[in-house]
Each structure stands twice: as C-alpha cells, then as structure tokens.
C-alpha cells in the first residue's frame, strides 16, 4: 500500500496493528517504499506513526537512499528533518549521496552535502559517489 500510494489503506493497516518497521521484500520497509516512489503524504503518515527513519534493509538500504535515488527532493529534506543519518550505507546504491549522483539529481546532492554527507563513504555497486557520478 505504501509503494502504490494508497494512503487510506496504509492508515487502515496501521490502525489494525501492522508492524511499521517490518523489513523485507524488494523495498525493505514501508517508509523506503513510500519515499522511493515519491508519496510524500504517506511518508508523513508513517513518520508520524513512529516509523524508524534510519531503518536499514538490503535492497534499497534506507528510506533516504530510496528517496535520493527516486529524485524526491522534498522527501529527502523531510527525512533529514526527521533525523535521517545522511551517511548510512547498504543496499544497491551504498549511500544516499551515491544514489543521488547516479541519478544526476544535483539539487539532492547539494542538500546531502549541506547536511554533512561524507563524499568518500563507500558501499554498494558504485563504491563512492564520485564513481557513481
């Protein structure tokens, strides 16, 4: 539901006790799924309901990495404002900075740099952000 943008269903599932921080599947978590697809209102619902902004998985790794790869500047900023660690690594892209550079998202790269992203942090299929660029 989070990936597809079905906000009412997301809320119904949360109200029925769905584990907001479950990790598994291709999107790793509901927050990463919503962030990667650009569903800003669902990201807000999940954060307000207590979703772990730094939850890590295997495929997309973190919600901020998913948002950076998706090119969703406002969601990247929302996650940072909610305490996302800009330097967490893992998953296909390694870091949010590497994901943003691979996608050519200059505005997101700047936001991440301004938020303290380590330009030499390595991980994922690209190694570093410079290699991904």
N, C-alpha and C. Protein backbone atom coordinates (compact mmCIF):
# COMPACT_ATOMS: atom_id res chain seq x y z
N UNK A 1 0.82 -1.19 0.00
CA UNK A 1 0.00 0.00 0.00
C UNK A 1 0.86 1.26 0.00
N UNK A 2 1.98 1.24 0.75
CA UNK A 2 2.85 2.41 0.82
C UNK A 2 3.50 2.69 -0.52
N UNK A 3 3.92 1.64 -1.22
CA UNK A 3 4.56 1.82 -2.52
C UNK A 3 3.58 2.35 -3.56
N UNK A 4 2.35 1.90 -3.52
CA UNK A 4 1.36 2.26 -4.53
C UNK A 4 0.66 3.58 -4.25
N UNK A 5 0.88 4.15 -3.07
CA UNK A 5 0.28 5.44 -2.76
C UNK A 5 -1.12 5.38 -2.20
N UNK A 6 -1.50 4.25 -1.64
CA UNK A 6 -2.85 4.09 -1.10
C UNK A 6 -2.88 4.52 0.37
N UNK A 7 -2.97 5.82 0.59
CA UNK A 7 -2.86 6.37 1.93
C UNK A 7 -3.94 5.86 2.88
N UNK A 8 -5.17 5.77 2.42
CA UNK A 8 -6.24 5.29 3.30
C UNK A 8 -6.00 3.85 3.74
N UNK A 9 -5.49 3.04 2.83
CA UNK A 9 -5.21 1.65 3.18
C UNK A 9 -4.02 1.57 4.13
N UNK A 10 -3.00 2.40 3.89
CA UNK A 10 -1.87 2.45 4.82
C UNK A 10 -2.38 2.74 6.23
N UNK A 11 -3.24 3.74 6.35
CA UNK A 11 -3.77 4.12 7.66
C UNK A 11 -4.60 2.99 8.27
N UNK A 12 -5.41 2.31 7.46
CA UNK A 12 -6.20 1.19 7.96
C UNK A 12 -5.31 0.09 8.51
N UNK A 13 -4.25 -0.22 7.78
CA UNK A 13 -3.33 -1.28 8.21
C UNK A 13 -2.61 -0.89 9.49
N UNK A 14 -2.18 0.37 9.57
CA UNK A 14 -1.53 0.84 10.80
C UNK A 14 -2.49 0.77 11.98
N UNK A 15 -3.73 1.20 11.75
CA UNK A 15 -4.75 1.17 12.81
C UNK A 15 -5.05 -0.26 13.26
N UNK A 16 -4.79 -1.23 12.38
CA UNK A 16 -5.05 -2.64 12.70
C UNK A 16 -3.82 -3.34 13.26
N UNK A 17 -2.74 -2.58 13.50
CA UNK A 17 -1.57 -3.15 14.16
C UNK A 17 -0.45 -3.60 13.25
N UNK A 18 -0.43 -3.18 12.00
CA UNK A 18 0.66 -3.56 11.10
C UNK A 18 2.00 -3.09 11.67
N UNK A 19 3.03 -3.93 11.53
CA UNK A 19 4.37 -3.61 12.01
C UNK A 19 4.98 -2.55 11.10
N UNK A 20 5.04 -1.33 11.57
CA UNK A 20 5.51 -0.21 10.76
C UNK A 20 6.99 -0.32 10.40
N UNK A 21 7.75 -1.08 11.18
CA UNK A 21 9.19 -1.20 10.93
C UNK A 21 9.60 -2.58 10.43
N UNK A 22 8.65 -3.32 9.84
CA UNK A 22 8.98 -4.61 9.24
C UNK A 22 9.98 -4.40 8.11
N UNK A 23 11.00 -5.25 8.04
CA UNK A 23 12.00 -5.18 6.97
C UNK A 23 11.91 -6.45 6.15
N UNK A 24 11.75 -6.30 4.83
CA UNK A 24 11.70 -7.43 3.93
C UNK A 24 11.17 -7.00 2.58
N UNK A 25 11.30 -7.86 1.61
CA UNK A 25 10.81 -7.56 0.28
C UNK A 25 11.71 -6.62 -0.49
N UNK A 26 11.32 -6.31 -1.68
CA UNK A 26 12.14 -5.52 -2.59
C UNK A 26 12.34 -4.08 -2.11
N UNK A 27 11.40 -3.54 -1.34
CA UNK A 27 11.52 -2.16 -0.89
C UNK A 27 12.05 -2.03 0.52
N UNK A 28 12.31 -3.14 1.17
CA UNK A 28 12.87 -3.21 2.51
C UNK A 28 11.90 -2.78 3.61
N UNK A 29 11.27 -1.63 3.48
CA UNK A 29 10.33 -1.16 4.52
C UNK A 29 9.25 -0.31 3.87
N UNK A 30 8.16 -0.13 4.60
CA UNK A 30 7.08 0.72 4.08
C UNK A 30 7.56 2.14 3.86
N UNK A 31 8.40 2.64 4.79
CA UNK A 31 8.90 4.01 4.65
C UNK A 31 9.79 4.15 3.42
N UNK A 32 10.66 3.17 3.18
CA UNK A 32 11.51 3.22 1.99
C UNK A 32 10.68 3.11 0.72
N UNK A 33 9.64 2.29 0.74
CA UNK A 33 8.77 2.14 -0.44
C UNK A 33 8.09 3.45 -0.76
N UNK A 34 7.52 4.10 0.24
CA UNK A 34 6.82 5.37 0.01
C UNK A 34 7.80 6.46 -0.39
N UNK A 35 8.96 6.50 0.26
CA UNK A 35 9.96 7.52 -0.05
C UNK A 35 10.49 7.37 -1.47
N UNK A 36 10.76 6.15 -1.87
CA UNK A 36 11.30 5.90 -3.20
C UNK A 36 10.33 6.18 -4.32
N UNK A 37 9.04 6.08 -4.03
CA UNK A 37 8.01 6.33 -5.05
C UNK A 37 7.48 7.76 -5.01
N UNK A 38 7.96 8.55 -4.06
CA UNK A 38 7.57 9.95 -4.01
C UNK A 38 6.24 10.24 -3.36
N UNK A 39 5.77 9.33 -2.51
CA UNK A 39 4.48 9.52 -1.84
C UNK A 39 4.69 10.29 -0.54
N UNK A 40 4.81 11.61 -0.68
CA UNK A 40 5.15 12.47 0.45
C UNK A 40 4.13 12.38 1.59
N UNK A 41 2.86 12.33 1.27
CA UNK A 41 1.85 12.28 2.33
C UNK A 41 1.92 10.96 3.10
N UNK A 42 2.25 9.88 2.43
CA UNK A 42 2.38 8.59 3.13
C UNK A 42 3.65 8.58 3.98
N UNK A 43 4.72 9.17 3.47
CA UNK A 43 5.94 9.30 4.27
C UNK A 43 5.61 10.03 5.57
N UNK A 44 4.85 11.11 5.49
CA UNK A 44 4.46 11.87 6.69
C UNK A 44 3.63 11.01 7.64
N UNK A 45 2.66 10.27 7.11
CA UNK A 45 1.83 9.39 7.95
C UNK A 45 2.71 8.37 8.67
N UNK A 46 3.63 7.76 7.95
CA UNK A 46 4.49 6.74 8.54
C UNK A 46 5.42 7.33 9.60
N UNK A 47 5.99 8.49 9.31
CA UNK A 47 6.85 9.14 10.30
C UNK A 47 6.06 9.51 11.55
N UNK A 48 4.88 10.07 11.35
CA UNK A 48 4.04 10.45 12.49
C UNK A 48 3.61 9.24 13.31
N UNK A 49 3.54 8.08 12.67
CA UNK A 49 3.14 6.85 13.36
C UNK A 49 4.33 6.13 14.02
N UNK A 50 5.54 6.71 13.86
CA UNK A 50 6.70 6.14 14.54
C UNK A 50 7.63 5.30 13.70
N UNK A 51 7.56 5.41 12.39
CA UNK A 51 8.48 4.66 11.53
C UNK A 51 9.92 5.08 11.82
N UNK A 52 10.81 4.11 11.83
CA UNK A 52 12.24 4.35 12.07
C UNK A 52 12.85 4.94 10.81
N UNK A 53 13.25 6.20 10.88
CA UNK A 53 13.78 6.90 9.72
C UNK A 53 15.13 6.33 9.28
N UNK A 54 15.81 5.61 10.16
CA UNK A 54 17.12 5.03 9.83
C UNK A 54 17.08 3.51 9.71
N UNK A 55 15.90 2.97 9.48
CA UNK A 55 15.75 1.53 9.31
C UNK A 55 16.52 1.08 8.07
N UNK A 56 17.32 0.05 8.21
CA UNK A 56 18.12 -0.41 7.08
C UNK A 56 17.65 -1.78 6.62
N UNK A 57 17.75 -1.99 5.33
CA UNK A 57 17.41 -3.26 4.72
C UNK A 57 18.53 -3.70 3.80
N UNK A 58 18.20 -4.46 2.79
CA UNK A 58 19.24 -4.98 1.91
C UNK A 58 19.20 -4.40 0.50
N UNK A 59 18.04 -4.25 -0.07
CA UNK A 59 17.91 -3.81 -1.46
C UNK A 59 18.09 -2.29 -1.58
N UNK A 60 17.20 -1.53 -0.98
CA UNK A 60 17.28 -0.07 -1.07
C UNK A 60 18.05 0.52 0.10
N UNK A 61 18.26 -0.24 1.12
CA UNK A 61 19.03 0.12 2.31
C UNK A 61 18.26 1.02 3.25
N UNK A 62 18.10 2.29 2.94
CA UNK A 62 17.45 3.23 3.86
C UNK A 62 16.40 4.05 3.13
N UNK A 63 15.45 4.60 3.86
CA UNK A 63 14.46 5.47 3.23
C UNK A 63 15.08 6.67 2.51
N UNK A 64 16.11 7.28 3.11
CA UNK A 64 16.70 8.45 2.47
C UNK A 64 17.42 8.07 1.17
N UNK A 65 18.01 6.88 1.14
CA UNK A 65 18.64 6.42 -0.10
C UNK A 65 17.59 6.19 -1.18
N UNK A 66 16.48 5.60 -0.81
CA UNK A 66 15.39 5.38 -1.77
C UNK A 66 14.86 6.70 -2.30
N UNK A 67 14.67 7.68 -1.42
CA UNK A 67 14.17 8.99 -1.85
C UNK A 67 15.18 9.70 -2.74
N UNK A 68 16.47 9.59 -2.40
CA UNK A 68 17.51 10.22 -3.21
C UNK A 68 17.56 9.61 -4.60
N UNK A 69 17.50 8.29 -4.67
CA UNK A 69 17.52 7.61 -5.96
C UNK A 69 16.29 7.97 -6.78
N UNK A 70 15.16 8.13 -6.13
CA UNK A 70 13.92 8.48 -6.82
C UNK A 70 13.84 9.93 -7.25
N UNK A 71 14.77 10.76 -6.77
CA UNK A 71 14.77 12.17 -7.15
C UNK A 71 13.74 13.00 -6.40
N UNK A 72 13.38 12.58 -5.20
CA UNK A 72 12.32 13.24 -4.44
C UNK A 72 12.92 14.17 -3.38
N UNK A 73 13.26 15.37 -3.83
CA UNK A 73 13.95 16.36 -3.00
C UNK A 73 13.20 16.68 -1.71
N UNK A 74 11.91 16.91 -1.79
CA UNK A 74 11.14 17.27 -0.60
C UNK A 74 11.12 16.14 0.43
N UNK A 75 11.08 14.92 -0.05
CA UNK A 75 11.09 13.77 0.87
C UNK A 75 12.47 13.61 1.49
N UNK A 76 13.52 13.80 0.70
CA UNK A 76 14.88 13.76 1.27
C UNK A 76 14.98 14.76 2.41
N UNK A 77 14.50 15.98 2.19
CA UNK A 77 14.57 17.01 3.23
C UNK A 77 13.71 16.63 4.43
N UNK A 78 12.52 16.09 4.19
CA UNK A 78 11.64 15.67 5.27
C UNK A 78 12.31 14.60 6.14
N UNK A 79 12.97 13.64 5.50
CA UNK A 79 13.65 12.58 6.23
C UNK A 79 14.82 13.13 7.04
N UNK A 80 15.58 14.05 6.44
CA UNK A 80 16.68 14.69 7.17
C UNK A 80 16.14 15.45 8.38
N UNK A 81 15.06 16.19 8.17
CA UNK A 81 14.45 16.94 9.27
C UNK A 81 13.93 16.03 10.38
N UNK A 82 13.66 14.78 10.02
CA UNK A 82 13.16 13.79 10.99
C UNK A 82 14.28 12.96 11.60
N UNK A 83 15.53 13.31 11.30
CA UNK A 83 16.66 12.65 11.93
C UNK A 83 17.36 11.58 11.12
N UNK A 84 17.12 11.52 9.82
CA UNK A 84 17.79 10.52 8.98
C UNK A 84 19.31 10.74 9.01
N UNK A 85 20.04 9.65 9.14
CA UNK A 85 21.50 9.68 9.11
C UNK A 85 21.94 9.71 7.66
N UNK A 86 22.52 10.81 7.23
CA UNK A 86 22.88 11.00 5.83
C UNK A 86 24.00 10.06 5.39
N UNK A 87 24.72 9.46 6.33
CA UNK A 87 25.86 8.62 5.98
C UNK A 87 25.66 7.12 6.20
N UNK A 88 24.41 6.69 6.41
CA UNK A 88 24.17 5.24 6.49
C UNK A 88 24.45 4.61 5.13
N UNK A 89 24.98 3.40 5.15
CA UNK A 89 25.28 2.72 3.89
C UNK A 89 24.62 1.35 3.85
N UNK A 90 24.55 0.82 2.64
CA UNK A 90 24.00 -0.51 2.41
C UNK A 90 23.19 -0.53 1.14
N UNK A 91 22.77 -1.70 0.74
CA UNK A 91 21.93 -1.83 -0.43
C UNK A 91 22.67 -1.60 -1.74
N UNK A 92 21.90 -1.54 -2.81
CA UNK A 92 22.46 -1.41 -4.16
C UNK A 92 23.27 -0.14 -4.37
N UNK A 93 22.84 0.96 -3.76
CA UNK A 93 23.47 2.24 -4.05
C UNK A 93 24.51 2.64 -3.03
N UNK A 94 24.59 1.95 -1.94
CA UNK A 94 25.60 2.26 -0.93
C UNK A 94 25.18 3.38 -0.01
N UNK A 95 25.03 4.57 -0.54
CA UNK A 95 24.65 5.72 0.28
C UNK A 95 23.65 6.58 -0.48
N UNK A 96 23.00 7.46 0.24
CA UNK A 96 22.07 8.40 -0.40
C UNK A 96 22.81 9.28 -1.39
N UNK A 97 24.03 9.69 -1.04
CA UNK A 97 24.82 10.54 -1.94
C UNK A 97 25.15 9.81 -3.23
N UNK A 98 25.55 8.55 -3.15
CA UNK A 98 25.85 7.78 -4.36
C UNK A 98 24.59 7.60 -5.20
N UNK A 99 23.46 7.36 -4.55
CA UNK A 99 22.19 7.20 -5.29
C UNK A 99 21.82 8.48 -6.02
N UNK A 100 21.96 9.62 -5.35
CA UNK A 100 21.61 10.90 -5.98
C UNK A 100 22.56 11.25 -7.12
N UNK A 101 23.85 10.96 -6.96
CA UNK A 101 24.79 11.26 -8.03
C UNK A 101 24.57 10.35 -9.23
N UNK A 102 24.26 9.08 -8.97
CA UNK A 102 24.00 8.16 -10.08
C UNK A 102 22.80 8.61 -10.89
N UNK A 103 21.82 9.19 -10.25
CA UNK A 103 20.62 9.66 -10.94
C UNK A 103 20.78 11.07 -11.51
N UNK A 104 21.88 11.74 -11.19
CA UNK A 104 22.10 13.09 -11.71
C UNK A 104 21.25 14.15 -11.03
N UNK A 105 20.86 13.92 -9.80
CA UNK A 105 19.99 14.85 -9.06
C UNK A 105 20.83 15.88 -8.31
N UNK A 106 21.24 16.92 -9.03
CA UNK A 106 22.14 17.92 -8.48
C UNK A 106 21.57 18.60 -7.23
N UNK A 107 20.29 18.92 -7.23
CA UNK A 107 19.68 19.56 -6.06
C UNK A 107 19.75 18.67 -4.83
N UNK A 108 19.51 17.38 -5.01
CA UNK A 108 19.57 16.46 -3.88
C UNK A 108 21.01 16.27 -3.42
N UNK A 109 21.94 16.18 -4.36
CA UNK A 109 23.35 16.09 -3.99
C UNK A 109 23.73 17.27 -3.10
N UNK A 110 23.30 18.47 -3.47
CA UNK A 110 23.63 19.65 -2.68
C UNK A 110 23.01 19.59 -1.29
N UNK A 111 21.76 19.16 -1.20
CA UNK A 111 21.10 19.02 0.11
C UNK A 111 21.88 18.05 0.99
N UNK A 112 22.28 16.93 0.41
CA UNK A 112 23.01 15.91 1.17
C UNK A 112 24.38 16.43 1.61
N UNK A 113 25.07 17.12 0.71
CA UNK A 113 26.37 17.69 1.07
C UNK A 113 26.21 18.73 2.18
N UNK A 114 25.21 19.58 2.06
CA UNK A 114 24.94 20.59 3.08
C UNK A 114 24.57 19.97 4.42
N UNK A 115 24.10 18.73 4.39
CA UNK A 115 23.69 18.02 5.61
C UNK A 115 24.81 17.14 6.16
N UNK A 116 26.00 17.24 5.59
CA UNK A 116 27.15 16.53 6.12
C UNK A 116 27.46 15.19 5.48
N UNK A 117 26.96 14.94 4.29
CA UNK A 117 27.27 13.67 3.62
C UNK A 117 28.77 13.55 3.40
N UNK A 118 29.29 12.38 3.70
CA UNK A 118 30.71 12.08 3.51
C UNK A 118 30.93 11.69 2.05
N UNK A 119 31.71 12.48 1.33
CA UNK A 119 31.91 12.23 -0.11
C UNK A 119 32.75 10.99 -0.37
N UNK A 120 33.45 10.50 0.63
CA UNK A 120 34.32 9.34 0.44
C UNK A 120 33.75 8.05 1.01
N UNK A 121 32.53 8.09 1.52
CA UNK A 121 31.92 6.88 2.06
C UNK A 121 31.71 5.88 0.92
N UNK A 122 32.04 4.63 1.16
CA UNK A 122 31.98 3.62 0.10
C UNK A 122 30.97 2.53 0.44
N UNK A 123 30.40 1.96 -0.62
CA UNK A 123 29.46 0.86 -0.47
C UNK A 123 28.62 0.72 -1.71
N UNK A 124 27.90 -0.37 -1.81
CA UNK A 124 27.01 -0.58 -2.93
C UNK A 124 27.73 -0.86 -4.23
N UNK A 125 26.97 -0.88 -5.30
CA UNK A 125 27.52 -1.27 -6.60
C UNK A 125 28.44 -0.23 -7.22
N UNK A 126 28.42 1.01 -6.72
CA UNK A 126 29.24 2.06 -7.31
C UNK A 126 30.49 2.37 -6.52
N UNK A 127 30.57 1.92 -5.30
CA UNK A 127 31.71 2.23 -4.46
C UNK A 127 31.53 3.58 -3.78
N UNK A 128 31.85 4.66 -4.47
CA UNK A 128 31.70 6.00 -3.91
C UNK A 128 30.79 6.84 -4.80
N UNK A 129 30.40 7.99 -4.28
CA UNK A 129 29.57 8.91 -5.05
C UNK A 129 30.29 9.38 -6.31
N UNK A 130 31.60 9.60 -6.21
CA UNK A 130 32.36 10.04 -7.38
C UNK A 130 32.32 8.99 -8.48
N UNK A 131 32.42 7.74 -8.13
CA UNK A 131 32.32 6.67 -9.13
C UNK A 131 30.92 6.61 -9.73
N UNK A 132 29.91 6.86 -8.92
CA UNK A 132 28.52 6.81 -9.39
C UNK A 132 28.19 7.95 -10.34
N UNK A 133 28.87 9.09 -10.16
CA UNK A 133 28.60 10.26 -10.99
C UNK A 133 29.04 10.03 -12.41
